[in-house]
């Protein structure tokens, strides 16, 4: 027995996890083919990690998807918001990114809210 995982060993996947992931994939494909793909993407944005939200904010084809991704970004994504503005698109997305930056700068953060509840 070793104390650490061996990176040279292949990852072992539990069969039940594999079945669950296959079902999720099938459900996603069904939704993409049978309903509005934009709505499916908007729903998925709520469940993805920060990297994918940033990617959607920067490059998504649909403005509504980009705006929703921007709305979900946190303070650690300020550089991404600034990149959106730096593109000089002169679009509503650029304006929306600027508004989000202003919101994030005003937000005192979790610990400030906990320790200073009068804010």
N, C-alpha and C. Protein backbone atom coordinates (compact mmCIF):
# COMPACT_ATOMS: atom_id res chain seq x y z
N UNK A 1 0.83 -1.18 0.00
CA UNK A 1 0.00 0.00 0.00
C UNK A 1 0.87 1.24 0.00
N UNK A 2 0.49 2.18 -0.80
CA UNK A 2 1.24 3.43 -0.85
C UNK A 2 0.38 4.56 -0.32
N UNK A 3 1.03 5.65 -0.01
CA UNK A 3 0.31 6.78 0.55
C UNK A 3 -0.24 7.71 -0.52
N UNK A 4 0.24 7.57 -1.72
CA UNK A 4 -0.14 8.53 -2.77
C UNK A 4 -0.60 7.81 -4.03
N UNK A 5 -1.32 8.53 -4.86
CA UNK A 5 -1.73 7.98 -6.14
C UNK A 5 -0.55 7.96 -7.10
N UNK A 6 -0.46 6.90 -7.86
CA UNK A 6 0.59 6.77 -8.86
C UNK A 6 0.11 7.39 -10.17
N UNK A 7 0.73 8.49 -10.63
CA UNK A 7 0.27 9.15 -11.86
C UNK A 7 0.47 8.32 -13.12
N UNK A 8 1.27 7.27 -13.03
CA UNK A 8 1.49 6.44 -14.22
C UNK A 8 0.41 5.38 -14.38
N UNK A 9 -0.38 5.13 -13.32
CA UNK A 9 -1.46 4.16 -13.41
C UNK A 9 -2.67 4.79 -14.09
N UNK A 10 -3.35 4.02 -14.93
CA UNK A 10 -4.57 4.56 -15.55
C UNK A 10 -5.65 4.77 -14.49
N UNK A 11 -6.46 5.77 -14.69
CA UNK A 11 -7.54 6.08 -13.77
C UNK A 11 -8.61 5.01 -13.89
N UNK A 12 -9.06 4.51 -12.77
CA UNK A 12 -10.11 3.49 -12.76
C UNK A 12 -11.45 4.18 -12.55
N UNK A 13 -12.38 3.87 -13.44
CA UNK A 13 -13.70 4.50 -13.39
C UNK A 13 -14.71 3.48 -12.89
N UNK A 14 -15.49 3.91 -11.93
CA UNK A 14 -16.56 3.08 -11.39
C UNK A 14 -17.63 2.93 -12.47
N UNK A 15 -18.14 1.73 -12.65
CA UNK A 15 -19.13 1.47 -13.69
C UNK A 15 -20.39 2.32 -13.51
N UNK A 16 -20.84 2.51 -12.29
CA UNK A 16 -22.03 3.32 -12.05
C UNK A 16 -21.79 4.79 -12.43
N UNK A 17 -20.56 5.28 -12.20
CA UNK A 17 -20.23 6.65 -12.62
C UNK A 17 -20.25 6.78 -14.13
N UNK A 18 -19.75 5.75 -14.82
CA UNK A 18 -19.74 5.75 -16.27
C UNK A 18 -21.16 5.78 -16.83
N UNK A 19 -22.04 4.97 -16.25
CA UNK A 19 -23.44 4.94 -16.70
C UNK A 19 -24.10 6.29 -16.45
N UNK A 20 -23.84 6.90 -15.29
CA UNK A 20 -24.42 8.21 -14.98
C UNK A 20 -23.94 9.27 -15.97
N UNK A 21 -22.67 9.27 -16.29
CA UNK A 21 -22.12 10.24 -17.24
C UNK A 21 -22.69 10.02 -18.64
N UNK A 22 -22.84 8.77 -19.04
CA UNK A 22 -23.44 8.48 -20.34
C UNK A 22 -24.89 8.96 -20.40
N UNK A 23 -25.63 8.81 -19.32
CA UNK A 23 -27.01 9.29 -19.28
C UNK A 23 -27.06 10.81 -19.36
N UNK A 24 -26.16 11.48 -18.65
CA UNK A 24 -26.11 12.94 -18.69
C UNK A 24 -25.80 13.42 -20.11
N UNK A 25 -24.85 12.75 -20.75
CA UNK A 25 -24.47 13.10 -22.12
C UNK A 25 -25.66 12.90 -23.07
N UNK A 26 -26.34 11.78 -22.92
CA UNK A 26 -27.51 11.51 -23.75
C UNK A 26 -28.61 12.53 -23.54
N UNK A 27 -28.85 12.89 -22.29
CA UNK A 27 -29.87 13.90 -21.98
C UNK A 27 -29.50 15.26 -22.59
N UNK A 28 -28.23 15.61 -22.50
CA UNK A 28 -27.78 16.87 -23.07
C UNK A 28 -27.97 16.89 -24.58
N UNK A 29 -27.58 15.82 -25.25
CA UNK A 29 -27.76 15.74 -26.71
C UNK A 29 -29.24 15.80 -27.08
N UNK A 30 -30.08 15.08 -26.35
CA UNK A 30 -31.52 15.12 -26.62
C UNK A 30 -32.05 16.55 -26.49
N UNK A 31 -31.64 17.26 -25.43
CA UNK A 31 -32.09 18.64 -25.24
C UNK A 31 -31.59 19.55 -26.36
N UNK A 32 -30.36 19.34 -26.79
CA UNK A 32 -29.82 20.19 -27.86
C UNK A 32 -30.56 19.98 -29.18
N UNK A 33 -30.96 18.74 -29.44
CA UNK A 33 -31.65 18.45 -30.70
C UNK A 33 -33.15 18.74 -30.67
N UNK A 34 -33.76 18.73 -29.50
CA UNK A 34 -35.21 18.85 -29.44
C UNK A 34 -35.72 20.17 -28.88
N UNK A 35 -34.86 20.97 -28.27
CA UNK A 35 -35.32 22.26 -27.75
C UNK A 35 -34.39 23.35 -28.27
N UNK A 36 -34.56 24.53 -27.77
CA UNK A 36 -33.77 25.67 -28.20
C UNK A 36 -32.34 25.52 -27.66
N UNK A 37 -31.33 25.35 -28.53
CA UNK A 37 -29.96 25.16 -28.06
C UNK A 37 -29.44 26.31 -27.19
N UNK A 38 -29.89 27.52 -27.48
CA UNK A 38 -29.44 28.66 -26.68
C UNK A 38 -29.91 28.53 -25.23
N UNK A 39 -31.13 28.08 -25.03
CA UNK A 39 -31.64 27.88 -23.67
C UNK A 39 -30.88 26.77 -22.96
N UNK A 40 -30.52 25.73 -23.69
CA UNK A 40 -29.75 24.64 -23.10
C UNK A 40 -28.39 25.15 -22.65
N UNK A 41 -27.75 25.95 -23.48
CA UNK A 41 -26.44 26.50 -23.14
C UNK A 41 -26.55 27.43 -21.94
N UNK A 42 -27.57 28.27 -21.90
CA UNK A 42 -27.76 29.16 -20.75
C UNK A 42 -27.91 28.36 -19.46
N UNK A 43 -28.64 27.25 -19.53
CA UNK A 43 -28.82 26.39 -18.36
C UNK A 43 -27.48 25.76 -17.96
N UNK A 44 -26.72 25.30 -18.93
CA UNK A 44 -25.44 24.65 -18.64
C UNK A 44 -24.42 25.62 -18.03
N UNK A 45 -24.50 26.89 -18.41
CA UNK A 45 -23.57 27.88 -17.86
C UNK A 45 -23.64 27.96 -16.34
N UNK A 46 -24.81 27.71 -15.79
CA UNK A 46 -24.96 27.77 -14.34
C UNK A 46 -24.20 26.65 -13.63
N UNK A 47 -23.89 25.58 -14.34
CA UNK A 47 -23.29 24.40 -13.73
C UNK A 47 -21.81 24.21 -14.06
N UNK A 48 -21.25 25.03 -14.93
CA UNK A 48 -19.86 24.81 -15.36
C UNK A 48 -18.87 25.56 -14.47
N UNK A 49 -17.59 25.27 -14.68
CA UNK A 49 -16.55 25.91 -13.89
C UNK A 49 -16.23 27.31 -14.43
N UNK A 50 -15.41 28.02 -13.69
CA UNK A 50 -15.07 29.40 -14.03
C UNK A 50 -14.41 29.52 -15.39
N UNK A 51 -13.51 28.59 -15.72
CA UNK A 51 -12.82 28.65 -17.01
C UNK A 51 -13.81 28.65 -18.17
N UNK A 52 -14.80 27.74 -18.12
CA UNK A 52 -15.76 27.67 -19.22
C UNK A 52 -16.66 28.90 -19.26
N UNK A 53 -16.98 29.46 -18.09
CA UNK A 53 -17.77 30.70 -18.08
C UNK A 53 -16.97 31.84 -18.71
N UNK A 54 -15.69 31.92 -18.38
CA UNK A 54 -14.84 32.96 -18.97
C UNK A 54 -14.74 32.77 -20.48
N UNK A 55 -14.59 31.54 -20.91
CA UNK A 55 -14.51 31.24 -22.33
C UNK A 55 -15.79 31.66 -23.05
N UNK A 56 -16.94 31.37 -22.45
CA UNK A 56 -18.23 31.77 -23.02
C UNK A 56 -18.36 33.29 -23.05
N UNK A 57 -17.90 33.96 -22.00
CA UNK A 57 -17.98 35.42 -21.96
C UNK A 57 -17.13 36.05 -23.06
N UNK A 58 -16.00 35.45 -23.36
CA UNK A 58 -15.10 35.98 -24.38
C UNK A 58 -15.54 35.65 -25.81
N UNK A 59 -16.01 34.42 -26.03
CA UNK A 59 -16.12 33.94 -27.41
C UNK A 59 -17.45 33.35 -27.83
N UNK A 60 -18.45 33.30 -26.97
CA UNK A 60 -19.71 32.68 -27.37
C UNK A 60 -20.30 33.43 -28.57
N UNK A 61 -20.94 32.69 -29.44
CA UNK A 61 -21.52 33.27 -30.66
C UNK A 61 -22.72 34.16 -30.34
N UNK A 62 -23.53 33.74 -29.40
CA UNK A 62 -24.75 34.46 -29.06
C UNK A 62 -24.48 35.50 -27.98
N UNK A 63 -24.97 36.71 -28.21
CA UNK A 63 -24.80 37.78 -27.22
C UNK A 63 -25.49 37.44 -25.91
N UNK A 64 -26.63 36.77 -25.97
CA UNK A 64 -27.34 36.44 -24.72
C UNK A 64 -26.52 35.46 -23.88
N UNK A 65 -25.83 34.53 -24.53
CA UNK A 65 -24.97 33.59 -23.81
C UNK A 65 -23.78 34.33 -23.22
N UNK A 66 -23.19 35.23 -23.97
CA UNK A 66 -22.05 35.99 -23.46
C UNK A 66 -22.46 36.84 -22.27
N UNK A 67 -23.62 37.49 -22.35
CA UNK A 67 -24.10 38.32 -21.24
C UNK A 67 -24.38 37.49 -20.00
N UNK A 68 -24.98 36.32 -20.18
CA UNK A 68 -25.26 35.46 -19.03
C UNK A 68 -23.96 34.99 -18.39
N UNK A 69 -22.97 34.65 -19.21
CA UNK A 69 -21.67 34.22 -18.69
C UNK A 69 -21.01 35.37 -17.92
N UNK A 70 -21.09 36.57 -18.46
CA UNK A 70 -20.52 37.74 -17.79
C UNK A 70 -21.19 37.95 -16.44
N UNK A 71 -22.48 37.79 -16.41
CA UNK A 71 -23.25 37.97 -15.17
C UNK A 71 -22.82 36.99 -14.09
N UNK A 72 -22.36 35.80 -14.48
CA UNK A 72 -21.97 34.77 -13.52
C UNK A 72 -20.52 34.89 -13.06
N UNK A 73 -19.72 35.75 -13.71
CA UNK A 73 -18.31 35.86 -13.36
C UNK A 73 -18.13 36.54 -12.01
N UNK A 74 -17.08 36.13 -11.31
CA UNK A 74 -16.74 36.66 -9.99
C UNK A 74 -15.52 37.57 -10.09
N UNK A 75 -15.06 38.07 -8.94
CA UNK A 75 -13.95 39.03 -8.92
C UNK A 75 -12.67 38.49 -9.54
N UNK A 76 -12.42 37.19 -9.40
CA UNK A 76 -11.18 36.63 -9.96
C UNK A 76 -11.17 36.67 -11.49
N UNK A 77 -12.30 36.98 -12.09
CA UNK A 77 -12.39 37.05 -13.55
C UNK A 77 -12.33 38.49 -14.08
N UNK A 78 -11.93 39.43 -13.25
CA UNK A 78 -11.82 40.82 -13.71
C UNK A 78 -10.93 40.98 -14.94
N UNK A 79 -9.79 40.27 -15.03
CA UNK A 79 -8.97 40.39 -16.24
C UNK A 79 -9.72 39.99 -17.52
N UNK A 80 -10.57 38.99 -17.42
CA UNK A 80 -11.36 38.56 -18.59
C UNK A 80 -12.34 39.65 -18.98
N UNK A 81 -12.99 40.25 -18.00
CA UNK A 81 -13.92 41.34 -18.30
C UNK A 81 -13.19 42.51 -18.96
N UNK A 82 -11.99 42.79 -18.48
CA UNK A 82 -11.21 43.88 -19.08
C UNK A 82 -10.78 43.53 -20.51
N UNK A 83 -10.52 42.26 -20.78
CA UNK A 83 -10.20 41.84 -22.16
C UNK A 83 -11.39 42.03 -23.09
N UNK A 84 -12.58 41.76 -22.57
CA UNK A 84 -13.79 41.96 -23.38
C UNK A 84 -13.92 43.43 -23.76
N UNK A 85 -13.67 44.30 -22.81
CA UNK A 85 -13.77 45.73 -23.07
C UNK A 85 -12.65 46.18 -24.01
N UNK A 86 -11.47 45.60 -23.86
CA UNK A 86 -10.32 45.98 -24.69
C UNK A 86 -10.51 45.59 -26.15
N UNK A 87 -11.40 44.65 -26.43
CA UNK A 87 -11.64 44.25 -27.83
C UNK A 87 -12.27 45.39 -28.63
N UNK A 88 -12.84 46.38 -27.95
CA UNK A 88 -13.45 47.55 -28.60
C UNK A 88 -14.52 47.14 -29.61
N UNK A 89 -15.42 46.29 -29.16
CA UNK A 89 -16.48 45.81 -30.04
C UNK A 89 -17.58 46.84 -30.24
N UNK A 90 -17.67 47.81 -29.34
CA UNK A 90 -18.76 48.79 -29.37
C UNK A 90 -20.11 48.11 -29.42
N UNK A 91 -20.27 47.12 -28.56
CA UNK A 91 -21.51 46.36 -28.53
C UNK A 91 -22.12 46.41 -27.14
N UNK A 92 -23.30 45.83 -27.04
CA UNK A 92 -23.95 45.77 -25.74
C UNK A 92 -23.19 44.84 -24.80
N UNK A 93 -22.47 43.88 -25.35
CA UNK A 93 -21.68 42.97 -24.51
C UNK A 93 -20.56 43.73 -23.82
N UNK A 94 -19.90 44.59 -24.56
CA UNK A 94 -18.84 45.40 -23.98
C UNK A 94 -19.40 46.29 -22.85
N UNK A 95 -20.54 46.90 -23.10
CA UNK A 95 -21.17 47.75 -22.09
C UNK A 95 -21.57 46.91 -20.87
N UNK A 96 -22.09 45.71 -21.11
CA UNK A 96 -22.50 44.81 -20.04
C UNK A 96 -21.29 44.40 -19.20
N UNK A 97 -20.14 44.16 -19.84
CA UNK A 97 -18.91 43.82 -19.12
C UNK A 97 -18.47 44.97 -18.24
N UNK A 98 -18.58 46.20 -18.75
CA UNK A 98 -18.21 47.38 -17.97
C UNK A 98 -19.11 47.50 -16.73
N UNK A 99 -20.39 47.27 -16.90
CA UNK A 99 -21.32 47.31 -15.77
C UNK A 99 -20.98 46.24 -14.73
N UNK A 100 -20.60 45.05 -15.21
CA UNK A 100 -20.25 43.96 -14.29
C UNK A 100 -18.99 44.29 -13.50
N UNK A 101 -18.02 44.93 -14.15
CA UNK A 101 -16.81 45.35 -13.44
C UNK A 101 -17.17 46.32 -12.33
N UNK A 102 -18.01 47.26 -12.62
CA UNK A 102 -18.44 48.23 -11.61
C UNK A 102 -19.16 47.54 -10.45
N UNK A 103 -20.01 46.57 -10.75
CA UNK A 103 -20.70 45.81 -9.70
C UNK A 103 -19.71 45.06 -8.82
N UNK A 104 -18.73 44.41 -9.45
CA UNK A 104 -17.76 43.62 -8.70
C UNK A 104 -16.87 44.50 -7.84
N UNK A 105 -16.55 45.67 -8.30
CA UNK A 105 -15.71 46.58 -7.51
C UNK A 105 -16.48 47.11 -6.29
N UNK A 106 -17.78 47.26 -6.42
CA UNK A 106 -18.60 47.73 -5.30
C UNK A 106 -18.89 46.64 -4.29
N UNK A 107 -18.85 45.38 -4.73
CA UNK A 107 -19.18 44.26 -3.85
C UNK A 107 -18.11 44.11 -2.78
N UNK A 108 -18.49 44.18 -1.49
CA UNK A 108 -17.50 44.09 -0.43
C UNK A 108 -16.92 42.70 -0.23
N UNK A 109 -17.57 41.68 -0.72
CA UNK A 109 -17.07 40.32 -0.57
C UNK A 109 -17.73 39.61 0.60
N UNK A 110 -17.56 38.31 0.62
CA UNK A 110 -18.23 37.46 1.61
C UNK A 110 -17.83 37.80 3.04
N UNK A 111 -16.52 37.87 3.32
CA UNK A 111 -16.08 38.08 4.69
C UNK A 111 -16.45 39.45 5.21
N UNK A 112 -16.42 40.42 4.34
CA UNK A 112 -16.83 41.78 4.74
C UNK A 112 -18.31 41.79 5.11
N UNK A 113 -19.12 41.06 4.38
CA UNK A 113 -20.55 40.97 4.70
C UNK A 113 -20.78 40.24 6.02
N UNK A 114 -19.97 39.21 6.29
CA UNK A 114 -20.15 38.42 7.50
C UNK A 114 -19.73 39.23 8.73
N UNK A 115 -18.58 39.90 8.65
CA UNK A 115 -18.05 40.60 9.81
C UNK A 115 -18.58 42.02 9.96
N UNK A 116 -19.16 42.57 8.92
CA UNK A 116 -19.79 43.90 8.97
C UNK A 116 -21.17 43.81 8.37
N UNK A 117 -22.14 43.22 9.10
CA UNK A 117 -23.46 42.97 8.52
C UNK A 117 -24.24 44.24 8.19
N UNK A 118 -23.82 45.39 8.70
CA UNK A 118 -24.54 46.64 8.41
C UNK A 118 -24.25 47.17 7.01
N UNK A 119 -23.35 46.54 6.29
CA UNK A 119 -23.02 47.00 4.92
C UNK A 119 -24.09 46.58 3.96
